[in-house]
Amino acid sequence: MKLVYVFDAYCGWSHGFSATLREIVSLRPDLPVEVVSGGLFTGGRRVPIREFGHVQGANARIAEQTGALFGEAYERLIADGSFVMDSEAAARGVAALRRVAPYRAVELAAALQAAFYVDGRSLSDAATYRDLAAAAGLDGDAVVAVFEGSEVRADARADFRRAAELGVTGFPTLLAVDGEHVVPLARGHATADEVDRRLASLS
């Protein structure tokens, strides 16, 4: 059995779930975790952030329920309103980090979300990945080279297909997958203890 975590780097509830996921991983170090990008803001949904009028209210609820932090730099992006969230670019970034450090995918996905939601960094910008890689002790040039290459574009599309095949319609979603058997463990929000009890019931 393994865990499959389907999220979007530009999803506030996924940002809120990051700490919970890290706690689950610490509770269940024997379970491998597959991190999949879901593709929330693609196609016609790639519009200036001001067009999503619910963002600040949603963020307040996320912070209240999960304790997630939203930084001043990010708040300035929201206030300006012109920033465009591009989930395909973010998925390429996730794929690049996953290729360079596959066993650190959970940690790096959380760091990527912090780069946006705390530091206000664009997940379409190669410099974001160079700095994130350096902070994680990885080769920044190597990560950027992968991010800018053609293979991660295919990886991003494969992630979006994987999420759809798993029947995921909202982010974040955490699944227990054992062959063809798929059990939802969390959708949107759950505590680590709640997820751990659900996992225990599968044993």
N, C-alpha and C. Protein backbone atom coordinates (compact mmCIF):
# COMPACT_ATOMS: atom_id res chain seq x y z
N MET A 1 0.84 -1.19 0.00
CA MET A 1 0.00 0.00 0.00
C MET A 1 0.88 1.24 0.00
N LYS A 2 0.39 2.29 -0.65
CA LYS A 2 1.08 3.58 -0.62
C LYS A 2 0.06 4.70 -0.48
N LEU A 3 0.55 5.86 -0.13
CA LEU A 3 -0.28 7.05 -0.10
C LEU A 3 -0.10 7.81 -1.41
N VAL A 4 -1.19 8.34 -1.92
CA VAL A 4 -1.14 9.21 -3.10
C VAL A 4 -1.73 10.55 -2.68
N TYR A 5 -0.91 11.58 -2.77
CA TYR A 5 -1.32 12.92 -2.37
C TYR A 5 -1.52 13.75 -3.63
N VAL A 6 -2.77 14.12 -3.90
CA VAL A 6 -3.10 14.92 -5.07
C VAL A 6 -3.39 16.34 -4.58
N PHE A 7 -2.60 17.28 -5.06
CA PHE A 7 -2.71 18.65 -4.58
C PHE A 7 -2.48 19.59 -5.74
N ASP A 8 -2.64 20.86 -5.49
CA ASP A 8 -2.21 21.88 -6.45
C ASP A 8 -1.40 22.91 -5.69
N ALA A 9 -0.26 23.26 -6.24
CA ALA A 9 0.64 24.18 -5.54
C ALA A 9 0.00 25.55 -5.35
N TYR A 10 -0.99 25.89 -6.16
CA TYR A 10 -1.69 27.16 -6.03
C TYR A 10 -3.03 27.01 -5.30
N CYS A 11 -3.21 25.94 -4.59
CA CYS A 11 -4.44 25.72 -3.82
C CYS A 11 -4.19 26.03 -2.35
N GLY A 12 -4.94 26.97 -1.80
CA GLY A 12 -4.76 27.37 -0.41
C GLY A 12 -5.02 26.25 0.57
N TRP A 13 -6.02 25.41 0.28
CA TRP A 13 -6.31 24.30 1.19
C TRP A 13 -5.18 23.27 1.15
N SER A 14 -4.52 23.13 0.01
CA SER A 14 -3.35 22.25 -0.06
C SER A 14 -2.22 22.82 0.79
N HIS A 15 -2.05 24.12 0.75
CA HIS A 15 -1.06 24.78 1.61
C HIS A 15 -1.38 24.48 3.07
N GLY A 16 -2.65 24.57 3.41
CA GLY A 16 -3.07 24.31 4.78
C GLY A 16 -2.86 22.86 5.21
N PHE A 17 -2.87 21.95 4.24
CA PHE A 17 -2.74 20.53 4.54
C PHE A 17 -1.27 20.10 4.67
N SER A 18 -0.33 20.96 4.28
CA SER A 18 1.09 20.58 4.23
C SER A 18 1.60 20.05 5.57
N ALA A 19 1.28 20.76 6.64
CA ALA A 19 1.78 20.33 7.96
C ALA A 19 1.16 19.00 8.36
N THR A 20 -0.11 18.82 8.04
CA THR A 20 -0.77 17.54 8.35
C THR A 20 -0.09 16.40 7.60
N LEU A 21 0.21 16.61 6.33
CA LEU A 21 0.84 15.56 5.54
C LEU A 21 2.21 15.21 6.10
N ARG A 22 2.98 16.22 6.47
CA ARG A 22 4.30 15.93 7.05
C ARG A 22 4.15 15.12 8.34
N GLU A 23 3.13 15.41 9.13
CA GLU A 23 2.91 14.65 10.36
C GLU A 23 2.51 13.22 10.06
N ILE A 24 1.66 13.03 9.05
CA ILE A 24 1.27 11.67 8.66
C ILE A 24 2.49 10.87 8.22
N VAL A 25 3.36 11.50 7.44
CA VAL A 25 4.57 10.82 6.98
C VAL A 25 5.45 10.42 8.15
N SER A 26 5.51 11.29 9.16
CA SER A 26 6.32 10.95 10.34
C SER A 26 5.69 9.81 11.14
N LEU A 27 4.35 9.74 11.14
CA LEU A 27 3.66 8.66 11.84
C LEU A 27 3.75 7.33 11.09
N ARG A 28 3.83 7.42 9.77
CA ARG A 28 3.82 6.23 8.92
C ARG A 28 5.02 6.24 7.98
N PRO A 29 6.23 6.21 8.52
CA PRO A 29 7.42 6.31 7.66
C PRO A 29 7.58 5.12 6.72
N ASP A 30 6.87 4.04 6.98
CA ASP A 30 6.96 2.84 6.14
C ASP A 30 6.16 2.96 4.86
N LEU A 31 5.25 3.95 4.79
CA LEU A 31 4.38 4.08 3.62
C LEU A 31 5.00 5.04 2.60
N PRO A 32 5.25 4.57 1.39
CA PRO A 32 5.71 5.50 0.35
C PRO A 32 4.61 6.48 -0.02
N VAL A 33 5.00 7.67 -0.45
CA VAL A 33 4.04 8.71 -0.81
C VAL A 33 4.30 9.17 -2.24
N GLU A 34 3.29 9.08 -3.06
CA GLU A 34 3.34 9.61 -4.43
C GLU A 34 2.67 10.99 -4.42
N VAL A 35 3.39 12.00 -4.89
CA VAL A 35 2.87 13.37 -4.92
C VAL A 35 2.47 13.70 -6.35
N VAL A 36 1.20 14.07 -6.54
CA VAL A 36 0.64 14.31 -7.87
C VAL A 36 0.06 15.71 -7.93
N SER A 37 0.38 16.44 -8.99
CA SER A 37 -0.19 17.78 -9.20
C SER A 37 -1.54 17.66 -9.89
N GLY A 38 -2.51 18.44 -9.39
CA GLY A 38 -3.88 18.28 -9.87
C GLY A 38 -4.32 19.18 -11.01
N GLY A 39 -3.70 20.33 -11.19
CA GLY A 39 -4.08 21.19 -12.31
C GLY A 39 -5.30 22.05 -12.08
N LEU A 40 -5.29 22.82 -11.01
CA LEU A 40 -6.45 23.64 -10.65
C LEU A 40 -6.63 24.84 -11.57
N PHE A 41 -5.54 25.51 -11.88
CA PHE A 41 -5.61 26.73 -12.69
C PHE A 41 -4.92 26.50 -14.03
N THR A 42 -5.68 25.94 -14.96
CA THR A 42 -5.19 25.69 -16.31
C THR A 42 -6.23 26.21 -17.29
N GLY A 43 -5.83 26.32 -18.55
CA GLY A 43 -6.77 26.77 -19.57
C GLY A 43 -7.41 28.10 -19.23
N GLY A 44 -8.74 28.14 -19.30
CA GLY A 44 -9.47 29.38 -19.05
C GLY A 44 -9.45 29.86 -17.63
N ARG A 45 -8.94 29.02 -16.70
CA ARG A 45 -8.86 29.44 -15.30
C ARG A 45 -7.56 30.19 -14.99
N ARG A 46 -6.70 30.34 -15.99
CA ARG A 46 -5.47 31.13 -15.80
C ARG A 46 -5.81 32.60 -16.05
N VAL A 47 -6.30 33.24 -15.00
CA VAL A 47 -6.74 34.63 -15.08
C VAL A 47 -6.17 35.39 -13.89
N PRO A 48 -6.16 36.72 -13.94
CA PRO A 48 -5.65 37.48 -12.79
C PRO A 48 -6.36 37.09 -11.50
N ILE A 49 -5.61 37.06 -10.43
CA ILE A 49 -6.12 36.56 -9.15
C ILE A 49 -7.28 37.40 -8.63
N ARG A 50 -7.39 38.63 -9.10
CA ARG A 50 -8.51 39.49 -8.66
C ARG A 50 -9.85 38.92 -9.10
N GLU A 51 -9.86 38.05 -10.11
CA GLU A 51 -11.11 37.48 -10.59
C GLU A 51 -11.64 36.39 -9.67
N PHE A 52 -10.81 35.97 -8.70
CA PHE A 52 -11.26 35.01 -7.70
C PHE A 52 -11.55 35.78 -6.41
N GLY A 53 -12.74 36.35 -6.34
CA GLY A 53 -13.06 37.27 -5.25
C GLY A 53 -13.11 36.63 -3.88
N HIS A 54 -13.15 35.30 -3.82
CA HIS A 54 -13.30 34.61 -2.54
C HIS A 54 -11.97 34.35 -1.85
N VAL A 55 -10.85 34.74 -2.46
CA VAL A 55 -9.53 34.29 -1.98
C VAL A 55 -9.27 34.69 -0.54
N GLN A 56 -9.47 35.96 -0.20
CA GLN A 56 -9.12 36.40 1.16
C GLN A 56 -9.99 35.75 2.22
N GLY A 57 -11.28 35.59 1.93
CA GLY A 57 -12.15 34.93 2.88
C GLY A 57 -11.78 33.47 3.07
N ALA A 58 -11.45 32.80 1.96
CA ALA A 58 -11.03 31.40 2.03
C ALA A 58 -9.74 31.28 2.83
N ASN A 59 -8.80 32.18 2.59
CA ASN A 59 -7.54 32.12 3.32
C ASN A 59 -7.73 32.28 4.82
N ALA A 60 -8.67 33.14 5.21
CA ALA A 60 -8.95 33.32 6.63
C ALA A 60 -9.46 32.01 7.24
N ARG A 61 -10.32 31.30 6.51
CA ARG A 61 -10.84 30.02 7.00
C ARG A 61 -9.73 28.98 7.06
N ILE A 62 -8.86 28.96 6.05
CA ILE A 62 -7.75 28.00 6.02
C ILE A 62 -6.83 28.24 7.21
N ALA A 63 -6.49 29.49 7.45
CA ALA A 63 -5.60 29.82 8.56
C ALA A 63 -6.24 29.42 9.89
N GLU A 64 -7.54 29.67 10.03
CA GLU A 64 -8.24 29.35 11.28
C GLU A 64 -8.28 27.84 11.52
N GLN A 65 -8.55 27.07 10.48
CA GLN A 65 -8.71 25.63 10.65
C GLN A 65 -7.40 24.87 10.69
N THR A 66 -6.37 25.36 10.00
CA THR A 66 -5.12 24.59 9.85
C THR A 66 -3.91 25.24 10.51
N GLY A 67 -4.00 26.53 10.81
CA GLY A 67 -2.83 27.24 11.35
C GLY A 67 -1.84 27.65 10.29
N ALA A 68 -2.18 27.48 9.01
CA ALA A 68 -1.27 27.84 7.93
C ALA A 68 -1.01 29.34 7.92
N LEU A 69 0.21 29.69 7.54
CA LEU A 69 0.61 31.10 7.48
C LEU A 69 0.52 31.64 6.06
N PHE A 70 0.06 32.87 5.95
CA PHE A 70 0.04 33.58 4.69
C PHE A 70 0.88 34.85 4.88
N GLY A 71 1.96 34.96 4.13
CA GLY A 71 2.94 36.02 4.37
C GLY A 71 2.55 37.36 3.78
N GLU A 72 3.26 38.39 4.21
CA GLU A 72 2.98 39.75 3.75
C GLU A 72 3.21 39.89 2.24
N ALA A 73 4.25 39.23 1.73
CA ALA A 73 4.53 39.33 0.29
C ALA A 73 3.39 38.73 -0.52
N TYR A 74 2.84 37.63 -0.04
CA TYR A 74 1.69 37.02 -0.70
C TYR A 74 0.47 37.95 -0.60
N GLU A 75 0.26 38.53 0.56
CA GLU A 75 -0.88 39.43 0.73
C GLU A 75 -0.78 40.62 -0.24
N ARG A 76 0.43 41.07 -0.52
CA ARG A 76 0.60 42.16 -1.49
C ARG A 76 0.20 41.71 -2.89
N LEU A 77 0.49 40.45 -3.23
CA LEU A 77 0.06 39.92 -4.52
C LEU A 77 -1.47 39.94 -4.63
N ILE A 78 -2.12 39.52 -3.56
CA ILE A 78 -3.59 39.50 -3.54
C ILE A 78 -4.14 40.92 -3.69
N ALA A 79 -3.53 41.84 -2.96
CA ALA A 79 -4.01 43.22 -3.00
C ALA A 79 -3.83 43.84 -4.39
N ASP A 80 -2.72 43.52 -5.04
CA ASP A 80 -2.48 44.04 -6.40
C ASP A 80 -3.46 43.43 -7.39
N GLY A 81 -3.65 42.12 -7.31
CA GLY A 81 -4.69 41.45 -8.09
C GLY A 81 -4.32 41.03 -9.50
N SER A 82 -3.14 41.41 -9.99
CA SER A 82 -2.81 41.13 -11.40
C SER A 82 -2.10 39.80 -11.60
N PHE A 83 -1.64 39.17 -10.51
CA PHE A 83 -0.88 37.93 -10.63
C PHE A 83 -1.76 36.82 -11.20
N VAL A 84 -1.19 36.03 -12.12
CA VAL A 84 -1.90 34.91 -12.74
C VAL A 84 -1.30 33.60 -12.23
N MET A 85 -2.13 32.78 -11.60
CA MET A 85 -1.70 31.47 -11.13
C MET A 85 -1.77 30.48 -12.30
N ASP A 86 -0.65 29.84 -12.60
CA ASP A 86 -0.56 28.90 -13.72
C ASP A 86 -0.17 27.53 -13.16
N SER A 87 -1.15 26.65 -13.02
CA SER A 87 -0.89 25.35 -12.41
C SER A 87 -0.04 24.44 -13.27
N GLU A 88 -0.01 24.66 -14.58
CA GLU A 88 0.85 23.84 -15.44
C GLU A 88 2.31 24.13 -15.13
N ALA A 89 2.65 25.41 -14.98
CA ALA A 89 4.03 25.77 -14.63
C ALA A 89 4.39 25.23 -13.25
N ALA A 90 3.46 25.36 -12.31
CA ALA A 90 3.73 24.84 -10.96
C ALA A 90 3.91 23.32 -10.98
N ALA A 91 3.11 22.63 -11.80
CA ALA A 91 3.25 21.18 -11.91
C ALA A 91 4.59 20.80 -12.51
N ARG A 92 5.08 21.61 -13.46
CA ARG A 92 6.42 21.37 -13.99
C ARG A 92 7.47 21.53 -12.89
N GLY A 93 7.26 22.52 -12.02
CA GLY A 93 8.18 22.71 -10.91
C GLY A 93 8.18 21.55 -9.94
N VAL A 94 6.98 21.06 -9.63
CA VAL A 94 6.86 19.88 -8.76
C VAL A 94 7.58 18.70 -9.40
N ALA A 95 7.36 18.52 -10.69
CA ALA A 95 7.99 17.39 -11.40
C ALA A 95 9.51 17.53 -11.42
N ALA A 96 10.00 18.75 -11.60
CA ALA A 96 11.45 18.96 -11.62
C ALA A 96 12.06 18.60 -10.27
N LEU A 97 11.45 19.08 -9.20
CA LEU A 97 11.94 18.77 -7.85
C LEU A 97 11.85 17.27 -7.58
N ARG A 98 10.78 16.66 -8.05
CA ARG A 98 10.56 15.23 -7.85
C ARG A 98 11.62 14.41 -8.59
N ARG A 99 12.00 14.88 -9.77
CA ARG A 99 13.02 14.17 -10.54
C ARG A 99 14.39 14.28 -9.87
N VAL A 100 14.71 15.44 -9.34
CA VAL A 100 16.02 15.65 -8.74
C VAL A 100 16.12 15.01 -7.36
N ALA A 101 15.03 15.06 -6.59
CA ALA A 101 15.04 14.51 -5.23
C ALA A 101 13.76 13.74 -4.98
N PRO A 102 13.60 12.56 -5.58
CA PRO A 102 12.32 11.84 -5.53
C PRO A 102 11.87 11.45 -4.12
N TYR A 103 12.81 11.24 -3.22
CA TYR A 103 12.43 10.79 -1.87
C TYR A 103 12.09 11.97 -0.95
N ARG A 104 12.15 13.18 -1.49
CA ARG A 104 11.83 14.36 -0.69
C ARG A 104 10.62 15.11 -1.24
N ALA A 105 9.78 14.40 -1.99
CA ALA A 105 8.69 15.06 -2.70
C ALA A 105 7.72 15.77 -1.77
N VAL A 106 7.40 15.16 -0.64
CA VAL A 106 6.45 15.77 0.30
C VAL A 106 7.04 17.07 0.87
N GLU A 107 8.26 16.99 1.32
CA GLU A 107 8.94 18.17 1.89
C GLU A 107 9.05 19.29 0.87
N LEU A 108 9.42 18.95 -0.37
CA LEU A 108 9.64 19.98 -1.39
C LEU A 108 8.34 20.56 -1.91
N ALA A 109 7.28 19.75 -1.94
CA ALA A 109 5.97 20.29 -2.33
C ALA A 109 5.51 21.34 -1.31
N ALA A 110 5.74 21.06 -0.02
CA ALA A 110 5.39 22.03 1.02
C ALA A 110 6.23 23.30 0.89
N ALA A 111 7.52 23.13 0.60
CA ALA A 111 8.39 24.30 0.44
C ALA A 111 7.97 25.14 -0.76
N LEU A 112 7.51 24.48 -1.81
CA LEU A 112 7.05 25.19 -2.99
C LEU A 112 5.81 26.02 -2.67
N GLN A 113 4.91 25.44 -1.89
CA GLN A 113 3.72 26.20 -1.51
C GLN A 113 4.08 27.38 -0.61
N ALA A 114 5.05 27.19 0.28
CA ALA A 114 5.49 28.29 1.13
C ALA A 114 6.11 29.40 0.30
N ALA A 115 6.81 29.03 -0.77
CA ALA A 115 7.41 30.05 -1.64
C ALA A 115 6.34 30.99 -2.18
N PHE A 116 5.16 30.44 -2.49
CA PHE A 116 4.08 31.29 -2.98
C PHE A 116 3.30 31.94 -1.85
N TYR A 117 2.80 31.13 -0.92
CA TYR A 117 1.86 31.63 0.08
C TYR A 117 2.51 32.42 1.21
N VAL A 118 3.80 32.25 1.41
CA VAL A 118 4.49 33.03 2.44
C VAL A 118 5.35 34.12 1.80
N ASP A 119 6.16 33.71 0.79
CA ASP A 119 7.13 34.64 0.21
C ASP A 119 6.62 35.37 -1.02
N GLY A 120 5.44 35.00 -1.52
CA GLY A 120 4.88 35.70 -2.68
C GLY A 120 5.64 35.47 -3.97
N ARG A 121 6.31 34.33 -4.10
CA ARG A 121 7.11 34.03 -5.29
C ARG A 121 6.24 33.38 -6.37
N SER A 122 6.54 33.68 -7.62
CA SER A 122 5.83 33.06 -8.73
C SER A 122 6.35 31.65 -8.96
N LEU A 123 5.46 30.71 -9.14
CA LEU A 123 5.84 29.32 -9.40
C LEU A 123 6.02 29.08 -10.89
N SER A 124 6.00 30.16 -11.68
CA SER A 124 6.37 30.10 -13.09
C SER A 124 7.80 30.58 -13.32
N ASP A 125 8.43 31.08 -12.28
CA ASP A 125 9.74 31.73 -12.38
C ASP A 125 10.85 30.75 -12.01
N ALA A 126 11.79 30.53 -12.92
CA ALA A 126 12.89 29.61 -12.67
C ALA A 126 13.69 29.99 -11.43
N ALA A 127 13.79 31.30 -11.15
CA ALA A 127 14.56 31.74 -9.99
C ALA A 127 13.97 31.21 -8.68
N THR A 128 12.66 31.04 -8.64
CA THR A 128 12.01 30.48 -7.45
C THR A 128 12.56 29.08 -7.17
N TYR A 129 12.70 28.29 -8.21
CA TYR A 129 13.18 26.91 -8.05
C TYR A 129 14.66 26.86 -7.73
N ARG A 130 15.41 27.79 -8.30
CA ARG A 130 16.84 27.84 -7.96
C ARG A 130 17.02 28.15 -6.47
N ASP A 131 16.28 29.11 -5.97
CA ASP A 131 16.41 29.49 -4.56
C ASP A 131 15.88 28.40 -3.64
N LEU A 132 14.77 27.80 -4.02
CA LEU A 132 14.19 26.73 -3.20
C LEU A 132 15.15 25.55 -3.14
N ALA A 133 15.75 25.20 -4.29
CA ALA A 133 16.70 24.09 -4.33
C ALA A 133 17.89 24.38 -3.44
N ALA A 134 18.42 25.60 -3.52
CA ALA A 134 19.58 25.95 -2.71
C ALA A 134 19.26 25.84 -1.22
N ALA A 135 18.07 26.30 -0.84
CA ALA A 135 17.66 26.23 0.57
C ALA A 135 17.52 24.79 1.03
N ALA A 136 17.22 23.88 0.10
CA ALA A 136 17.04 22.46 0.44
C ALA A 136 18.33 21.67 0.27
N GLY A 137 19.43 22.35 -0.07
CA GLY A 137 20.70 21.66 -0.25
C GLY A 137 20.81 20.91 -1.56
N LEU A 138 20.01 21.31 -2.55
CA LEU A 138 20.04 20.68 -3.87
C LEU A 138 20.78 21.57 -4.86
N ASP A 139 21.10 21.02 -6.01
CA ASP A 139 21.77 21.75 -7.08
C ASP A 139 20.74 22.61 -7.81
N GLY A 140 20.77 23.91 -7.56
CA GLY A 140 19.79 24.81 -8.15
C GLY A 140 19.83 24.82 -9.66
N ASP A 141 21.03 24.80 -10.24
CA ASP A 141 21.14 24.79 -11.70
C ASP A 141 20.52 23.53 -12.29
N ALA A 142 20.72 22.40 -11.61
CA ALA A 142 20.15 21.14 -12.09
C ALA A 142 18.63 21.18 -12.06
N VAL A 143 18.07 21.72 -10.98
CA VAL A 143 16.62 21.80 -10.87
C VAL A 143 16.06 22.72 -11.95
N VAL A 144 16.69 23.86 -12.17
CA VAL A 144 16.21 24.80 -13.19
C VAL A 144 16.31 24.18 -14.58
N ALA A 145 17.39 23.47 -14.84
CA ALA A 145 17.55 22.82 -16.15
C ALA A 145 16.42 21.84 -16.40
N VAL A 146 16.04 21.08 -15.38
CA VAL A 146 14.93 20.13 -15.54
C VAL A 146 13.61 20.89 -15.70
N PHE A 147 13.41 21.94 -14.88
CA PHE A 147 12.19 22.74 -14.95
C PHE A 147 11.98 23.33 -16.34
N GLU A 148 13.06 23.73 -16.98
CA GLU A 148 12.95 24.37 -18.30
C GLU A 148 12.99 23.36 -19.45
N GLY A 149 13.17 22.09 -19.14
CA GLY A 149 13.25 21.07 -20.18
C GLY A 149 11.89 20.59 -20.64
N SER A 150 11.90 19.75 -21.66
CA SER A 150 10.64 19.28 -22.26
C SER A 150 10.02 18.11 -21.49
N GLU A 151 10.85 17.34 -20.78
CA GLU A 151 10.32 16.14 -20.13
C GLU A 151 9.30 16.45 -19.04
N VAL A 152 9.52 17.57 -18.31
CA VAL A 152 8.59 17.86 -17.22
C VAL A 152 7.24 18.36 -17.73
N ARG A 153 7.19 18.83 -18.96
CA ARG A 153 5.89 19.18 -19.54
C ARG A 153 5.04 17.91 -19.68
N ALA A 154 5.68 16.84 -20.12
CA ALA A 154 4.98 15.55 -20.19
C ALA A 154 4.64 15.05 -18.80
N ASP A 155 5.53 15.28 -17.84
CA ASP A 155 5.26 14.88 -16.45
C ASP A 155 4.02 15.59 -15.92
N ALA A 156 3.92 16.89 -16.20
CA ALA A 156 2.77 17.67 -15.71
C ALA A 156 1.48 17.13 -16.30
N ARG A 157 1.49 16.86 -17.60
CA ARG A 157 0.27 16.31 -18.24
C ARG A 157 -0.07 14.94 -17.66
N ALA A 158 0.97 14.14 -17.40
CA ALA A 158 0.74 12.82 -16.81
C ALA A 158 0.15 12.93 -15.41
N ASP A 159 0.60 13.92 -14.64
CA ASP A 159 0.04 14.15 -13.32
C ASP A 159 -1.44 14.49 -13.41
N PHE A 160 -1.79 15.38 -14.33
CA PHE A 160 -3.19 15.77 -14.47
C PHE A 160 -4.06 14.56 -14.85
N ARG A 161 -3.53 13.71 -15.74
CA ARG A 161 -4.27 12.49 -16.11
C ARG A 161 -4.40 11.55 -14.93
N ARG A 162 -3.33 11.42 -14.16
CA ARG A 162 -3.34 10.53 -12.99
C ARG A 162 -4.41 10.98 -11.99
N ALA A 163 -4.47 12.29 -11.74
CA ALA A 163 -5.48 12.82 -10.82
C ALA A 163 -6.88 12.50 -11.32
N ALA A 164 -7.11 12.67 -12.62
CA ALA A 164 -8.44 12.40 -13.19
C ALA A 164 -8.77 10.92 -13.11
N GLU A 165 -7.79 10.07 -13.40
CA GLU A 165 -8.02 8.62 -13.36
C GLU A 165 -8.36 8.15 -11.95
N LEU A 166 -7.81 8.83 -10.95
CA LEU A 166 -8.10 8.48 -9.56
C LEU A 166 -9.44 9.05 -9.10
N GLY A 167 -10.08 9.83 -9.96
CA GLY A 167 -11.39 10.38 -9.62
C GLY A 167 -11.33 11.59 -8.71
N VAL A 168 -10.17 12.23 -8.64
CA VAL A 168 -10.02 13.39 -7.76
C VAL A 168 -10.62 14.62 -8.42
N THR A 169 -11.51 15.28 -7.70
CA THR A 169 -12.17 16.48 -8.22
C THR A 169 -11.90 17.71 -7.37
N GLY A 170 -11.24 17.55 -6.24
CA GLY A 170 -10.92 18.68 -5.37
C GLY A 170 -9.59 18.47 -4.69
N PHE A 171 -8.97 19.56 -4.30
CA PHE A 171 -7.63 19.49 -3.72
C PHE A 171 -7.61 20.15 -2.33
N PRO A 172 -6.80 19.58 -1.44
CA PRO A 172 -6.01 18.37 -1.58
C PRO A 172 -6.87 17.13 -1.35
N THR A 173 -6.42 16.01 -1.92
CA THR A 173 -7.02 14.70 -1.65
C THR A 173 -5.90 13.73 -1.32
N LEU A 174 -6.06 13.01 -0.24
CA LEU A 174 -5.09 11.99 0.15
C LEU A 174 -5.76 10.63 0.04
N LEU A 175 -5.11 9.72 -0.66
CA LEU A 175 -5.66 8.40 -0.93
C LEU A 175 -4.72 7.32 -0.44
N ALA A 176 -5.30 6.21 -0.02
CA ALA A 176 -4.53 4.98 0.20
C ALA A 176 -4.77 4.10 -1.02
N VAL A 177 -3.68 3.70 -1.67
CA VAL A 177 -3.79 2.92 -2.90
C VAL A 177 -3.05 1.61 -2.72
N ASP A 178 -3.79 0.53 -2.96
CA ASP A 178 -3.22 -0.82 -2.87
C ASP A 178 -3.65 -1.57 -4.12
N GLY A 179 -2.78 -1.56 -5.13
CA GLY A 179 -3.16 -2.14 -6.42
C GLY A 179 -4.29 -1.35 -7.04
N GLU A 180 -5.41 -2.03 -7.31
CA GLU A 180 -6.58 -1.36 -7.89
C GLU A 180 -7.51 -0.79 -6.82
N HIS A 181 -7.19 -1.05 -5.56
CA HIS A 181 -8.05 -0.64 -4.45
C HIS A 181 -7.64 0.77 -3.98
N VAL A 182 -8.57 1.71 -4.07
CA VAL A 182 -8.29 3.11 -3.72
C VAL A 182 -9.27 3.55 -2.63
N VAL A 183 -8.73 4.04 -1.52
CA VAL A 183 -9.56 4.48 -0.40
C VAL A 183 -9.23 5.94 -0.08
N PRO A 184 -10.22 6.85 -0.12
CA PRO A 184 -9.96 8.23 0.28
C PRO A 184 -9.69 8.32 1.78
N LEU A 185 -8.65 9.05 2.14
CA LEU A 185 -8.30 9.27 3.54
C LEU A 185 -8.61 10.69 4.00
N ALA A 186 -8.52 11.64 3.09
CA ALA A 186 -8.79 13.04 3.44
C ALA A 186 -9.10 13.81 2.17
N ARG A 187 -10.05 14.71 2.30
CA ARG A 187 -10.37 15.64 1.22
C ARG A 187 -10.48 17.02 1.83
N GLY A 188 -9.68 17.94 1.37
CA GLY A 188 -9.74 19.32 1.85
C GLY A 188 -9.03 19.52 3.17
N HIS A 189 -9.55 18.90 4.23
CA HIS A 189 -8.95 19.11 5.55
C HIS A 189 -9.22 17.90 6.42
N ALA A 190 -8.19 17.50 7.16
CA ALA A 190 -8.31 16.45 8.17
C ALA A 190 -7.09 16.57 9.06
N THR A 191 -7.18 16.07 10.28
CA THR A 191 -6.02 16.05 11.15
C THR A 191 -5.21 14.78 10.88
N ALA A 192 -3.96 14.81 11.30
CA ALA A 192 -3.11 13.62 11.14
C ALA A 192 -3.68 12.44 11.91
N ASP A 193 -4.24 12.69 13.09
CA ASP A 193 -4.81 11.61 13.89
C ASP A 193 -6.01 10.97 13.17
N GLU A 194 -6.83 11.80 12.54
CA GLU A 194 -7.98 11.27 11.81
C GLU A 194 -7.52 10.38 10.66
N VAL A 195 -6.50 10.85 9.93
CA VAL A 195 -5.98 10.06 8.82
C VAL A 195 -5.35 8.76 9.33
N ASP A 196 -4.61 8.87 10.43
CA ASP A 196 -3.96 7.69 10.98
C ASP A 196 -4.97 6.64 11.41
N ARG A 197 -6.08 7.08 11.99
CA ARG A 197 -7.13 6.12 12.38
C ARG A 197 -7.74 5.45 11.15
N ARG A 198 -7.92 6.21 10.08
CA ARG A 198 -8.47 5.63 8.85
C ARG A 198 -7.48 4.61 8.26
N LEU A 199 -6.21 4.92 8.34
CA LEU A 199 -5.20 3.98 7.86
C LEU A 199 -5.20 2.70 8.73
N ALA A 200 -5.34 2.89 10.03
CA ALA A 200 -5.35 1.73 10.93
C ALA A 200 -6.52 0.81 10.62
N SER A 201 -7.63 1.38 10.22
CA SER A 201 -8.82 0.57 9.91
C SER A 201 -8.63 -0.27 8.65
N LEU A 202 -7.62 0.08 7.82
CA LEU A 202 -7.38 -0.66 6.59
C LEU A 202 -6.46 -1.85 6.82
N SER A 203 -5.82 -1.89 7.99
CA SER A 203 -4.83 -2.94 8.24
C SER A 203 -5.52 -4.28 8.49
